[in-house]
Amino acid sequence: MHGTSDALKNVKPWKSLDDQIAILKGRGLTIEDENAAKDYLRRIGYYRLSGYWYPFREMNSQHLGKNPSRLDTFIHGSRFEDAVKLYVFDKKLRLLAMDALERIEMALRVDVAHLLGKHHPCAHQNPRLLHGSFVKRPIKKKGPHFGKTEHEVWLEKHEEKTKKSREPFIEHHNRFYNGCIPIWVAIEIWDFGMLSRLFAGMRYPDQDEIGARYGVKGETIEQWLRSLNFVRNVSAHHSRLWNANIVEVSAPHVLFPKVPNSRAFMYFCAMSHLLSVICPNTSWQSRFVALMEEFPEVPNESVKPEDMGLVEGWKEWPIWAKK
């Protein structure tokens, strides 16, 4: 009990909107319209907006090595309105990502179901039709899945999804067939992560057959799906995407050379390439290019498009050609 009591004593005190404004101004952030600023703080929240004014904070000159840190004070000329513009830009970026990822997820689901279903209607449950390491190698990392195979973990998630589903077609199969749900039906209850993990567990020739449709190796699709699942989760949970550090990185690709693989732009390039096959007449690429034109022009140049991975001449690449 004493530990809880001590922890509560160390919690930061509640601050009114006026207090929040005063703190920001005291740290050097220019706020020209305090009423408008209060409205944004009320609707969006101090903590969420803090991720967007973070790049405007001064660097700590004593920690400029591998793990640089920032001070509480702001770079001269930093404005509250620029942080809000960055927030709005990022919101539009996330929506654009979700638009692409929905179509990519649907198409790849069908690709996987059509190919594996040709081997057997229940290939997703048959270890002999999947990659050996996926179905045989036990997980060595300590945790709830220790000792299980990746396939066993995947099947547990699949079973959980099946039991929770209230979709009529799932209930129909459970009631009348009482067994395996064919993969072309099962795909309808998968999430992006399940798709990504099953693709990674497919045999290499099967991965390559799907990859060939998109003009890349199966290994590339496997990596992209893993990275795009990360981007999807960031976007779906309304987290900051524009300058996010992409943890699940894919290898650099010749289609978009010299693009940093730890930044979002590389994965928008991957989305663009996949959509050019899935939806050849889509205007998605044009909408992305137009959105990049909306990137906030900040007088003190604290943030710039390059922070999300854009490189010189990217608009001229074939994957961004106007449709």
Protein backbone atom coordinates (compact mmCIF):
# COMPACT_ATOMS: atom_id res chain seq x y z
CA MET A 1 0.00 0.00 0.00
CA HIS A 2 2.85 2.36 0.79
CA GLY A 3 4.23 1.84 -2.72
CA THR A 4 0.92 2.84 -4.28
CA SER A 5 0.67 5.87 -2.01
CA ASP A 6 4.19 7.00 -2.90
CA ALA A 7 3.48 6.53 -6.61
CA LEU A 8 0.37 8.68 -6.39
CA LYS A 9 2.38 11.46 -4.77
CA ASN A 10 4.67 11.53 -7.83
CA VAL A 11 1.86 11.81 -10.39
CA LYS A 12 1.83 15.10 -12.28
CA PRO A 13 -0.96 17.39 -11.07
CA TRP A 14 -4.03 18.18 -13.15
CA LYS A 15 -3.72 21.32 -15.29
CA SER A 16 -6.51 23.50 -16.60
CA LEU A 17 -6.51 24.61 -20.23
CA ASP A 18 -5.24 28.01 -19.10
CA ASP A 19 -2.43 26.26 -17.22
CA GLN A 20 -1.53 24.24 -20.31
CA ILE A 21 -1.40 27.37 -22.45
CA ALA A 22 0.78 29.10 -19.85
CA ILE A 23 3.20 26.17 -19.73
CA LEU A 24 3.60 26.10 -23.51
CA LYS A 25 4.08 29.86 -23.77
CA GLY A 26 6.53 29.77 -20.87
CA ARG A 27 8.62 27.26 -22.80
CA GLY A 28 8.75 29.48 -25.85
CA LEU A 29 5.90 28.23 -28.06
CA THR A 30 4.15 31.05 -29.89
CA ILE A 31 0.36 30.96 -29.48
CA GLU A 32 -1.33 33.75 -31.39
CA ASP A 33 -4.95 32.70 -30.79
CA GLU A 34 -5.34 31.33 -27.28
CA ASN A 35 -9.04 30.57 -27.67
CA ALA A 36 -8.38 28.48 -30.77
CA ALA A 37 -5.50 26.75 -28.98
CA LYS A 38 -7.77 25.90 -26.04
CA ASP A 39 -10.30 24.45 -28.46
CA TYR A 40 -7.67 22.15 -29.99
CA LEU A 41 -6.42 21.12 -26.56
CA ARG A 42 -9.99 20.38 -25.51
CA ARG A 43 -10.80 18.29 -28.61
CA ILE A 44 -7.47 16.58 -29.28
CA GLY A 45 -5.72 16.65 -25.94
CA TYR A 46 -2.40 17.98 -24.68
CA TYR A 47 -0.69 14.61 -24.68
CA ARG A 48 -1.61 13.67 -28.27
CA LEU A 49 -0.66 17.09 -29.60
CA SER A 50 2.63 16.93 -27.71
CA GLY A 51 3.83 14.34 -30.23
CA TYR A 52 3.41 16.93 -32.96
CA TRP A 53 5.18 19.79 -31.21
CA TYR A 54 7.96 17.46 -30.03
CA PRO A 55 10.11 18.11 -33.17
CA PHE A 56 9.86 21.83 -32.39
CA ARG A 57 11.61 21.39 -29.04
CA GLU A 58 15.27 22.29 -28.69
CA MET A 59 17.88 19.54 -28.79
CA ASN A 60 19.84 18.79 -25.64
CA SER A 61 23.41 19.69 -26.62
CA GLN A 62 24.73 17.32 -23.96
CA HIS A 63 23.03 14.30 -25.54
CA LEU A 64 23.66 14.49 -29.29
CA GLY A 65 25.04 10.97 -29.73
CA LYS A 66 23.14 7.82 -30.66
CA ASN A 67 20.28 8.65 -28.30
CA PRO A 68 19.68 12.39 -28.61
CA SER A 69 17.12 13.99 -26.34
CA ARG A 70 15.17 17.21 -26.42
CA LEU A 71 14.65 19.93 -23.87
CA ASP A 72 11.26 21.21 -22.73
CA THR A 73 11.97 24.58 -24.35
CA PHE A 74 11.03 25.27 -27.96
CA ILE A 75 13.18 26.29 -30.91
CA HIS A 76 12.87 30.01 -31.62
CA GLY A 77 9.95 30.72 -33.93
CA SER A 78 7.98 27.56 -33.10
CA ARG A 79 4.22 28.04 -33.35
CA PHE A 80 1.28 26.13 -31.91
CA GLU A 81 -0.53 26.44 -35.23
CA ASP A 82 2.26 24.55 -37.01
CA ALA A 83 1.91 21.62 -34.62
CA VAL A 84 -1.83 21.56 -35.35
CA LYS A 85 -1.19 21.66 -39.11
CA LEU A 86 1.19 18.73 -38.70
CA TYR A 87 -1.51 16.86 -36.77
CA VAL A 88 -4.05 17.46 -39.55
CA PHE A 89 -1.53 16.38 -42.20
CA ASP A 90 -0.81 13.19 -40.29
CA LYS A 91 -4.51 12.43 -39.91
CA LYS A 92 -4.94 12.66 -43.69
CA LEU A 93 -1.83 10.50 -44.15
CA ARG A 94 -3.25 7.77 -41.91
CA LEU A 95 -6.56 7.81 -43.78
CA LEU A 96 -4.71 7.47 -47.08
CA ALA A 97 -2.74 4.54 -45.68
CA MET A 98 -5.91 2.81 -44.48
CA ASP A 99 -7.55 3.29 -47.88
CA ALA A 100 -4.64 1.53 -49.58
CA LEU A 101 -4.19 -1.16 -46.96
CA GLU A 102 -7.84 -2.21 -47.07
CA ARG A 103 -7.56 -2.94 -50.79
CA ILE A 104 -4.18 -4.63 -50.40
CA GLU A 105 -5.46 -6.81 -47.56
CA MET A 106 -8.53 -7.92 -49.53
CA ALA A 107 -6.49 -8.74 -52.65
CA LEU A 108 -3.76 -10.65 -50.81
CA ARG A 109 -6.33 -12.60 -48.82
CA VAL A 110 -7.85 -13.83 -52.07
CA ASP A 111 -4.41 -14.54 -53.56
CA VAL A 112 -3.49 -16.71 -50.57
CA ALA A 113 -6.86 -18.47 -50.40
CA HIS A 114 -6.94 -19.19 -54.14
CA LEU A 115 -3.44 -20.64 -54.21
CA LEU A 116 -3.55 -22.64 -50.99
CA GLY A 117 -7.14 -23.70 -51.64
CA LYS A 118 -5.97 -25.29 -54.89
CA HIS A 119 -3.69 -27.54 -52.81
CA HIS A 120 -6.50 -28.36 -50.37
CA PRO A 121 -9.60 -26.53 -49.08
CA CYS A 122 -8.12 -26.67 -45.58
CA ALA A 123 -4.48 -26.06 -46.49
CA HIS A 124 -4.20 -23.43 -43.76
CA GLN A 125 -4.64 -26.21 -41.19
CA ASN A 126 -2.45 -28.79 -42.92
CA PRO A 127 1.22 -28.67 -41.79
CA ARG A 128 2.32 -30.64 -44.85
CA LEU A 129 1.22 -27.82 -47.13
CA LEU A 130 3.12 -25.09 -45.27
CA HIS A 131 6.78 -24.26 -44.68
CA GLY A 132 8.70 -26.59 -42.39
CA SER A 133 10.00 -23.96 -40.00
CA PHE A 134 6.50 -22.52 -39.59
CA VAL A 135 5.00 -25.86 -38.56
CA LYS A 136 7.94 -27.57 -36.81
CA ARG A 137 10.25 -25.03 -35.16
CA PRO A 138 9.25 -24.30 -31.55
CA ILE A 139 9.22 -20.72 -30.30
CA LYS A 140 12.16 -20.21 -27.94
CA LYS A 141 11.27 -16.78 -26.63
CA LYS A 142 9.92 -16.91 -23.09
CA GLY A 143 6.24 -16.07 -22.91
CA PRO A 144 2.76 -17.54 -23.41
CA HIS A 145 3.75 -19.14 -26.74
CA PHE A 146 7.02 -20.70 -25.56
CA GLY A 147 7.48 -24.19 -27.02
CA LYS A 148 4.67 -23.87 -29.56
CA THR A 149 5.20 -23.54 -33.29
CA GLU A 150 4.22 -20.39 -35.19
CA HIS A 151 1.54 -22.45 -36.92
CA GLU A 152 0.08 -23.61 -33.61
CA VAL A 153 -0.10 -20.01 -32.40
CA TRP A 154 -1.71 -18.99 -35.69
CA LEU A 155 -4.28 -21.80 -35.45
CA GLU A 156 -5.17 -20.72 -31.90
CA LYS A 157 -5.88 -17.20 -33.18
CA HIS A 158 -7.86 -18.65 -36.08
CA GLU A 159 -9.93 -20.80 -33.71
CA GLU A 160 -10.55 -17.80 -31.46
CA LYS A 161 -11.71 -15.69 -34.41
CA THR A 162 -13.97 -18.52 -35.60
CA LYS A 163 -15.64 -18.97 -32.21
CA LYS A 164 -16.22 -15.24 -31.73
CA SER A 165 -17.50 -14.63 -35.25
CA ARG A 166 -21.21 -13.94 -35.69
CA GLU A 167 -20.97 -13.92 -39.47
CA PRO A 168 -23.78 -16.05 -40.96
CA PHE A 169 -21.42 -17.91 -43.28
CA ILE A 170 -19.21 -18.96 -40.35
CA GLU A 171 -22.20 -20.07 -38.27
CA HIS A 172 -23.49 -22.00 -41.31
CA HIS A 173 -20.23 -23.94 -41.67
CA ASN A 174 -20.00 -24.60 -37.95
CA ARG A 175 -23.58 -25.89 -37.85
CA PHE A 176 -23.67 -28.05 -40.96
CA TYR A 177 -20.08 -29.11 -41.56
CA ASN A 178 -18.66 -29.22 -38.02
CA GLY A 179 -15.08 -29.27 -39.20
CA CYS A 180 -12.59 -27.26 -41.16
CA ILE A 181 -13.82 -24.04 -42.69
CA PRO A 182 -12.49 -23.81 -46.28
CA ILE A 183 -9.77 -21.24 -46.63
CA TRP A 184 -11.76 -19.13 -49.10
CA VAL A 185 -14.40 -18.73 -46.38
CA ALA A 186 -11.96 -18.45 -43.47
CA ILE A 187 -10.16 -15.46 -44.98
CA GLU A 188 -13.18 -13.29 -44.24
CA ILE A 189 -12.49 -13.36 -40.49
CA TRP A 190 -8.71 -12.90 -40.66
CA ASP A 191 -7.09 -9.64 -39.67
CA PHE A 192 -4.06 -8.18 -41.41
CA GLY A 193 -1.70 -9.75 -38.89
CA MET A 194 -3.10 -13.24 -39.51
CA LEU A 195 -2.72 -12.76 -43.26
CA SER A 196 0.86 -11.59 -42.81
CA ARG A 197 1.83 -14.48 -40.54
CA LEU A 198 0.24 -17.16 -42.73
CA PHE A 199 1.93 -15.77 -45.84
CA ALA A 200 5.25 -15.95 -43.98
CA GLY A 201 4.45 -19.60 -43.22
CA MET A 202 3.77 -20.58 -46.82
CA ARG A 203 6.23 -22.64 -48.81
CA TYR A 204 8.66 -20.51 -50.79
CA PRO A 205 7.40 -21.59 -54.25
CA ASP A 206 3.88 -20.58 -53.20
CA GLN A 207 5.12 -17.23 -51.92
CA ASP A 208 6.97 -16.67 -55.19
CA GLU A 209 3.90 -17.53 -57.26
CA ILE A 210 1.96 -14.77 -55.54
CA GLY A 211 4.93 -12.40 -55.64
CA ALA A 212 5.21 -12.90 -59.41
CA ARG A 213 1.78 -11.36 -59.86
CA TYR A 214 3.18 -8.17 -58.37
CA GLY A 215 6.54 -8.35 -60.15
CA VAL A 216 8.56 -9.03 -57.00
CA LYS A 217 9.86 -12.04 -55.10
CA GLY A 218 7.71 -13.79 -52.55
CA GLU A 219 10.23 -12.82 -49.89
CA THR A 220 9.56 -9.17 -50.70
CA ILE A 221 5.80 -9.62 -50.28
CA GLU A 222 6.41 -11.38 -46.97
CA GLN A 223 8.52 -8.47 -45.69
CA TRP A 224 6.14 -5.83 -47.00
CA LEU A 225 3.13 -7.48 -45.36
CA ARG A 226 4.90 -7.53 -42.02
CA SER A 227 5.84 -3.85 -42.34
CA LEU A 228 2.43 -2.84 -43.67
CA ASN A 229 0.78 -4.58 -40.74
CA PHE A 230 2.83 -2.32 -38.46
CA VAL A 231 1.77 0.75 -40.48
CA ARG A 232 -1.84 -0.39 -40.35
CA ASN A 233 -1.74 -0.76 -36.57
CA VAL A 234 -0.23 2.71 -36.18
CA SER A 235 -2.92 4.16 -38.44
CA ALA A 236 -5.84 2.24 -36.93
CA HIS A 237 -4.91 3.35 -33.42
CA HIS A 238 -4.60 7.01 -34.47
CA SER A 239 -0.91 7.09 -33.57
CA ARG A 240 1.64 9.38 -35.19
CA LEU A 241 2.66 8.03 -38.62
CA TRP A 242 4.37 10.78 -40.60
CA ASN A 243 7.77 10.50 -38.85
CA ALA A 244 7.20 7.19 -37.04
CA ASN A 245 10.11 4.85 -36.54
CA ILE A 246 8.98 1.73 -38.42
CA VAL A 247 10.03 -1.14 -36.19
CA GLU A 248 9.10 -3.94 -38.61
CA VAL A 249 11.41 -2.95 -41.46
CA SER A 250 11.63 -4.47 -44.93
CA ALA A 251 14.81 -4.69 -46.95
CA PRO A 252 15.47 -1.76 -49.33
CA HIS A 253 14.15 -2.44 -52.83
CA VAL A 254 15.37 -1.53 -56.30
CA LEU A 255 11.92 -0.11 -57.14
CA PHE A 256 12.52 2.75 -54.71
CA PRO A 257 16.27 3.06 -54.11
CA LYS A 258 17.92 5.04 -51.32
CA VAL A 259 14.68 5.35 -49.37
CA PRO A 260 15.26 4.85 -45.62
CA ASN A 261 13.46 1.68 -44.58
CA SER A 262 12.79 2.93 -41.06
CA ARG A 263 10.48 5.71 -42.26
CA ALA A 264 6.91 5.65 -43.54
CA PHE A 265 7.59 6.79 -47.11
CA MET A 266 9.17 3.47 -48.11
CA TYR A 267 5.97 1.67 -47.19
CA PHE A 268 3.82 4.15 -49.06
CA CYS A 269 6.02 3.26 -52.03
CA ALA A 270 5.24 -0.42 -51.43
CA MET A 271 1.52 0.40 -51.22
CA SER A 272 1.73 2.32 -54.47
CA HIS A 273 3.44 -0.57 -56.25
CA LEU A 274 0.90 -3.12 -55.02
CA LEU A 275 -2.06 -0.88 -55.87
CA SER A 276 -0.76 -0.40 -59.41
CA VAL A 277 -1.49 -4.12 -59.90
CA ILE A 278 -4.61 -4.42 -57.74
CA CYS A 279 -6.30 -1.21 -58.93
CA PRO A 280 -4.51 -0.04 -62.12
CA ASN A 281 -6.84 2.95 -62.56
CA THR A 282 -6.76 4.18 -58.97
CA SER A 283 -6.18 7.84 -58.21
CA TRP A 284 -4.50 6.92 -54.91
CA GLN A 285 -1.03 7.84 -56.13
CA SER A 286 -2.21 11.27 -57.26
CA ARG A 287 -3.86 11.81 -53.89
CA PHE A 288 -0.63 10.93 -52.10
CA VAL A 289 1.36 13.35 -54.25
CA ALA A 290 -1.25 16.06 -53.60
CA LEU A 291 -1.10 15.42 -49.86
CA MET A 292 2.67 15.85 -49.86
CA GLU A 293 2.08 19.32 -51.28
CA GLU A 294 0.10 20.05 -48.10
CA PHE A 295 3.03 19.32 -45.81
CA PRO A 296 3.21 22.33 -43.46
CA GLU A 297 5.69 25.00 -44.45
CA VAL A 298 7.29 25.86 -41.13
CA PRO A 299 9.20 29.17 -40.95
CA ASN A 300 11.91 27.84 -38.62
CA GLU A 301 12.22 24.59 -40.65
CA SER A 302 11.95 22.40 -37.56
CA VAL A 303 10.07 19.79 -39.60
CA LYS A 304 10.38 18.90 -43.28
CA PRO A 305 9.08 16.19 -45.66
CA GLU A 306 12.45 14.44 -45.58
CA ASP A 307 11.71 13.52 -41.96
CA MET A 308 9.19 10.95 -43.22
CA GLY A 309 11.71 9.51 -45.68
CA LEU A 310 11.05 11.43 -48.89
CA VAL A 311 14.08 11.70 -51.16
CA GLU A 312 14.91 14.01 -54.04
CA GLY A 313 13.22 13.16 -57.34
CA TRP A 314 10.70 10.68 -55.90
CA LYS A 315 7.80 12.11 -57.89
CA GLU A 316 9.52 11.03 -61.12
CA TRP A 317 9.56 7.34 -60.21
CA PRO A 318 7.21 5.08 -62.22
CA ILE A 319 5.30 4.04 -59.08
CA TRP A 320 4.19 7.66 -58.63
CA ALA A 321 3.36 8.33 -62.27
CA LYS A 322 0.08 10.17 -62.73
CA LYS A 323 -2.89 7.93 -63.44
